[in-house]
Amino acid sequence: MKIIKFVLILLFTSLTIVSCKNNSESKETIVYQCPMKCEGEKTYTKEGSCPVCNMDIKPVQHNNNNNNSVESHQNDEISETSIFNLTSKWNTEEGNTIELKDLKGKTLVMVMIYTTCKAACPRLVADMRSIEAKIPDKFIDDINFVMVSIDPETDTPKRLKAFAIENFMDDKQWTFLQGEISDVREFANVLAVKYKQISPMDFSHSNIISVFNSNGELVHQQEGLGVDNKETITKILELQDK
């Protein structure tokens, strides 16, 4: 009897150790990652913010080979790399307040400008209009051309509306956005657009036009002024066939 009792005690102790080990492991299954993957696949074991874009890093997967990520449970319609993960608020030229996810469902052609610019921005505007002009009419309702101001203090919704009218960009396929300075900076970081204020009314900035699919995932970028936009047009039209 003593031998049997000893074996039972040993077996119970072993099961308890295994159970505790499993519980301990389950507490360490969550890893964190920037939703925009600014650092590629790099992950963290603690909550915090992305050192590149300053967004809060989010739990993305379990280490116990569970294929369902925490993020996908929270929103299974938006991927980790979608700009629709950004929760910033934006004012449109029509005076409405939206989030980027409100633009979901259409191909997005986006550029960052400011309305008082006398050098690069007029060329970027011309490039955007050139792209629009080459899109067949049957697709135009499925595309949203978005102009994001890097000078939100000057570019009020009223000013953006006037700019849209002045530049014949007041049709429904055009959207102008004004946001908080911190949100503009965050969005620029996500797009790899660099800008710097060099005087009260002047900025130096990157000249990049970005194309996103209907789920807010970056699929193409065109860099430069007055460049051949054939590849950009091709990518936009490919998205209409999907």
Protein backbone atom coordinates (compact mmCIF):
# COMPACT_ATOMS: atom_id res chain seq x y z
CA MET A 1 0.00 0.00 0.00
CA LYS A 2 2.84 2.40 0.82
CA ILE A 3 4.35 1.82 -2.62
CA ILE A 4 0.99 2.45 -4.35
CA LYS A 5 0.44 5.62 -2.29
CA PHE A 6 3.95 6.82 -3.17
CA VAL A 7 3.32 6.23 -6.91
CA LEU A 8 0.00 8.12 -6.77
CA ILE A 9 1.62 11.06 -5.00
CA LEU A 10 4.45 11.12 -7.56
CA LEU A 11 1.95 11.01 -10.45
CA PHE A 12 -0.16 13.82 -8.97
CA THR A 13 2.93 15.98 -8.42
CA SER A 14 4.04 15.45 -12.02
CA LEU A 15 0.64 16.45 -13.38
CA THR A 16 0.63 19.56 -11.19
CA ILE A 17 4.08 20.61 -12.48
CA VAL A 18 2.99 20.12 -16.12
CA SER A 19 -0.21 22.09 -15.51
CA CYS A 20 1.66 24.97 -13.90
CA LYS A 21 4.15 24.98 -16.77
CA ASN A 22 1.33 25.14 -19.33
CA ASN A 23 -0.36 27.97 -17.45
CA SER A 24 2.93 29.84 -17.30
CA GLU A 25 3.46 29.41 -21.03
CA SER A 26 -0.07 30.56 -21.85
CA LYS A 27 0.59 33.83 -20.08
CA GLU A 28 3.54 34.48 -22.37
CA THR A 29 1.90 33.69 -25.72
CA ILE A 30 1.13 37.23 -26.88
CA VAL A 31 3.69 39.21 -28.84
CA TYR A 32 3.31 42.79 -30.07
CA GLN A 33 4.00 44.40 -33.43
CA CYS A 34 3.42 47.72 -35.21
CA PRO A 35 0.14 47.35 -37.20
CA MET A 36 1.86 49.09 -40.14
CA LYS A 37 4.93 46.80 -39.89
CA CYS A 38 7.32 49.76 -40.02
CA GLU A 39 10.09 47.43 -38.82
CA GLY A 40 9.08 44.47 -40.95
CA GLU A 41 8.33 41.35 -38.89
CA LYS A 42 9.99 42.63 -35.71
CA THR A 43 7.93 41.90 -32.59
CA TYR A 44 8.01 42.90 -28.92
CA THR A 45 7.04 41.05 -25.77
CA LYS A 46 5.63 44.10 -24.02
CA GLU A 47 3.10 46.78 -24.93
CA GLY A 48 4.39 50.12 -26.14
CA SER A 49 4.64 52.25 -29.28
CA CYS A 50 6.39 51.86 -32.63
CA PRO A 51 9.74 53.72 -32.63
CA VAL A 52 9.17 54.66 -36.29
CA CYS A 53 5.55 55.89 -36.58
CA ASN A 54 4.72 56.14 -32.83
CA MET A 55 1.52 54.07 -33.21
CA ASP A 56 0.62 51.77 -30.33
CA ILE A 57 1.97 48.31 -31.05
CA LYS A 58 -0.72 45.63 -30.94
CA PRO A 59 -0.89 41.92 -30.07
CA VAL A 60 -0.62 40.00 -33.31
CA GLN A 61 -0.07 36.28 -32.66
CA HIS A 62 0.21 33.44 -30.19
CA ASN A 63 3.46 31.55 -29.65
CA ASN A 64 1.60 28.28 -29.05
CA ASN A 65 1.06 27.71 -32.79
CA ASN A 66 -2.47 29.05 -32.62
CA ASN A 67 -3.12 30.44 -36.10
CA ASN A 68 -5.75 32.90 -34.95
CA SER A 69 -4.15 36.20 -33.98
CA VAL A 70 -5.59 38.53 -31.38
CA GLU A 71 -5.74 41.25 -34.00
CA SER A 72 -7.78 39.13 -36.40
CA HIS A 73 -10.28 38.41 -33.63
CA GLN A 74 -10.65 42.14 -33.06
CA ASN A 75 -11.15 42.95 -36.73
CA ASP A 76 -11.08 40.17 -39.31
CA GLU A 77 -11.80 42.53 -42.20
CA ILE A 78 -8.73 44.80 -41.94
CA SER A 79 -5.22 43.41 -42.33
CA GLU A 80 -2.30 44.36 -40.12
CA THR A 81 -0.79 46.51 -42.89
CA SER A 82 -3.93 48.51 -43.70
CA ILE A 83 -4.00 52.26 -43.13
CA PHE A 84 -7.52 51.70 -41.83
CA ASN A 85 -5.93 50.65 -38.53
CA LEU A 86 -5.14 54.32 -37.92
CA THR A 87 -7.75 55.84 -35.63
CA SER A 88 -7.01 59.51 -36.33
CA LYS A 89 -9.84 61.91 -37.17
CA TRP A 90 -9.81 63.99 -40.35
CA ASN A 91 -11.87 66.93 -41.62
CA THR A 92 -12.91 66.93 -45.27
CA GLU A 93 -13.32 69.91 -47.58
CA GLU A 94 -17.06 69.47 -47.09
CA GLY A 95 -16.74 69.99 -43.33
CA ASN A 96 -17.31 66.35 -42.40
CA THR A 97 -15.21 64.47 -39.84
CA ILE A 98 -14.10 60.99 -40.86
CA GLU A 99 -11.60 58.24 -40.09
CA LEU A 100 -9.51 56.67 -42.82
CA LYS A 101 -11.53 53.46 -42.55
CA ASP A 102 -14.52 55.44 -43.83
CA LEU A 103 -12.76 55.41 -47.21
CA LYS A 104 -12.83 51.60 -47.30
CA GLY A 105 -14.23 49.97 -50.40
CA LYS A 106 -12.55 52.05 -53.10
CA THR A 107 -9.10 52.19 -54.64
CA LEU A 108 -7.31 55.14 -53.04
CA VAL A 109 -4.84 57.35 -54.89
CA MET A 110 -3.28 59.58 -52.22
CA VAL A 111 -0.79 62.43 -52.12
CA MET A 112 0.35 64.88 -49.42
CA ILE A 113 0.46 68.55 -50.42
CA TYR A 114 -0.26 72.04 -49.06
CA THR A 115 -2.35 74.64 -50.85
CA THR A 116 0.03 77.63 -50.55
CA CYS A 117 2.87 75.74 -52.24
CA LYS A 118 4.14 77.45 -55.41
CA ALA A 119 6.69 74.86 -56.54
CA ALA A 120 6.23 71.08 -56.21
CA CYS A 121 2.58 70.86 -55.18
CA PRO A 122 1.13 72.36 -58.38
CA ARG A 123 3.07 69.67 -60.25
CA LEU A 124 1.72 66.97 -57.94
CA VAL A 125 -1.80 68.29 -58.50
CA ALA A 126 -1.20 68.13 -62.25
CA ASP A 127 0.09 64.56 -61.90
CA MET A 128 -3.02 63.54 -59.95
CA ARG A 129 -5.28 65.09 -62.57
CA SER A 130 -3.30 63.37 -65.31
CA ILE A 131 -3.86 60.02 -63.61
CA GLU A 132 -7.57 60.73 -63.23
CA ALA A 133 -7.89 61.70 -66.90
CA LYS A 134 -6.50 58.32 -67.98
CA ILE A 135 -8.98 56.28 -65.95
CA PRO A 136 -11.93 54.99 -68.04
CA ASP A 137 -15.25 56.52 -66.99
CA LYS A 138 -16.65 53.12 -66.04
CA PHE A 139 -14.10 52.83 -63.22
CA ILE A 140 -14.07 56.38 -61.89
CA ASP A 141 -16.78 55.77 -59.26
CA ASP A 142 -14.63 53.04 -57.71
CA ILE A 143 -11.63 55.29 -57.18
CA ASN A 144 -11.05 58.03 -54.62
CA PHE A 145 -8.33 60.63 -55.21
CA VAL A 146 -7.28 61.87 -51.78
CA MET A 147 -5.25 65.01 -51.08
CA VAL A 148 -3.87 65.19 -47.52
CA SER A 149 -2.63 68.57 -46.31
CA ILE A 150 0.72 68.79 -44.54
CA ASP A 151 -0.19 72.31 -43.38
CA PRO A 152 -3.40 71.83 -41.39
CA GLU A 153 -3.15 75.22 -39.69
CA THR A 154 -3.52 77.03 -43.02
CA ASP A 155 -5.49 74.43 -44.94
CA THR A 156 -8.83 74.62 -43.19
CA PRO A 157 -11.79 72.75 -44.71
CA LYS A 158 -12.96 76.06 -46.19
CA ARG A 159 -9.56 76.68 -47.78
CA LEU A 160 -9.42 73.12 -49.11
CA LYS A 161 -12.87 73.51 -50.64
CA ALA A 162 -11.82 76.70 -52.42
CA PHE A 163 -8.63 74.98 -53.63
CA ALA A 164 -10.65 72.05 -54.96
CA ILE A 165 -12.90 74.38 -56.94
CA GLU A 166 -9.99 76.46 -58.25
CA ASN A 167 -8.25 73.33 -59.54
CA PHE A 168 -11.35 71.59 -60.98
CA MET A 169 -11.10 68.86 -58.35
CA ASP A 170 -14.53 69.28 -56.80
CA ASP A 171 -16.16 66.16 -58.22
CA LYS A 172 -17.22 63.29 -55.95
CA GLN A 173 -14.10 61.23 -56.71
CA TRP A 174 -11.91 63.85 -54.98
CA THR A 175 -11.44 64.10 -51.20
CA PHE A 176 -9.32 66.64 -49.31
CA LEU A 177 -8.27 65.95 -45.72
CA GLN A 178 -7.13 68.18 -42.86
CA GLY A 179 -5.95 66.59 -39.61
CA GLU A 180 -4.14 67.35 -36.40
CA ILE A 181 -0.42 68.02 -36.82
CA SER A 182 0.48 64.84 -34.90
CA ASP A 183 -1.86 62.76 -37.08
CA VAL A 184 -0.45 64.26 -40.27
CA ARG A 185 3.05 63.40 -39.07
CA GLU A 186 2.02 59.84 -38.21
CA PHE A 187 0.39 59.37 -41.62
CA ALA A 188 3.45 60.78 -43.40
CA ASN A 189 5.65 58.29 -41.54
CA VAL A 190 3.44 55.43 -42.67
CA LEU A 191 3.77 56.55 -46.31
CA ALA A 192 7.50 57.25 -45.98
CA VAL A 193 6.78 60.87 -46.91
CA LYS A 194 9.25 63.30 -45.39
CA TYR A 195 8.41 66.96 -44.90
CA LYS A 196 9.79 69.89 -42.96
CA GLN A 197 8.55 73.43 -42.41
CA ILE A 198 11.24 75.83 -43.61
CA SER A 199 9.29 79.08 -43.19
CA PRO A 200 5.86 80.11 -41.86
CA MET A 201 4.25 79.37 -45.25
CA ASP A 202 6.68 76.98 -46.89
CA PHE A 203 7.58 73.29 -46.57
CA SER A 204 10.10 70.98 -48.15
CA HIS A 205 8.59 67.56 -48.76
CA SER A 206 8.72 64.26 -50.64
CA ASN A 207 6.81 63.99 -53.90
CA ILE A 208 5.09 60.61 -53.65
CA ILE A 209 1.73 59.44 -54.98
CA SER A 210 0.51 56.27 -53.25
CA VAL A 211 -2.04 53.72 -54.43
CA PHE A 212 -4.00 51.61 -51.93
CA ASN A 213 -6.42 48.78 -52.61
CA SER A 214 -9.98 48.84 -51.28
CA ASN A 215 -8.79 47.37 -47.95
CA GLY A 216 -6.29 50.17 -47.37
CA GLU A 217 -3.16 48.17 -48.21
CA LEU A 218 -0.36 49.97 -50.04
CA VAL A 219 0.22 48.40 -53.46
CA HIS A 220 2.20 51.02 -55.41
CA GLN A 221 4.05 54.32 -55.09
CA GLN A 222 5.05 56.82 -57.75
CA GLU A 223 7.89 59.14 -56.78
CA GLY A 224 8.94 62.34 -58.52
CA LEU A 225 7.31 65.15 -60.48
CA GLY A 226 5.97 64.81 -63.98
CA VAL A 227 7.13 61.21 -64.22
CA ASP A 228 5.68 58.57 -66.54
CA ASN A 229 2.53 57.39 -64.76
CA LYS A 230 1.93 54.34 -66.96
CA GLU A 231 2.81 51.90 -64.19
CA THR A 232 0.55 53.73 -61.74
CA ILE A 233 -2.39 53.64 -64.16
CA THR A 234 -1.79 49.93 -64.80
CA LYS A 235 -1.82 49.15 -61.08
CA ILE A 236 -5.02 51.14 -60.53
CA LEU A 237 -6.79 49.35 -63.39
CA GLU A 238 -5.58 45.95 -62.14
CA LEU A 239 -7.32 46.64 -58.84
CA GLN A 240 -10.60 47.28 -60.67
CA ASP A 241 -10.51 43.80 -62.15
CA LYS A 242 -10.32 42.10 -58.74
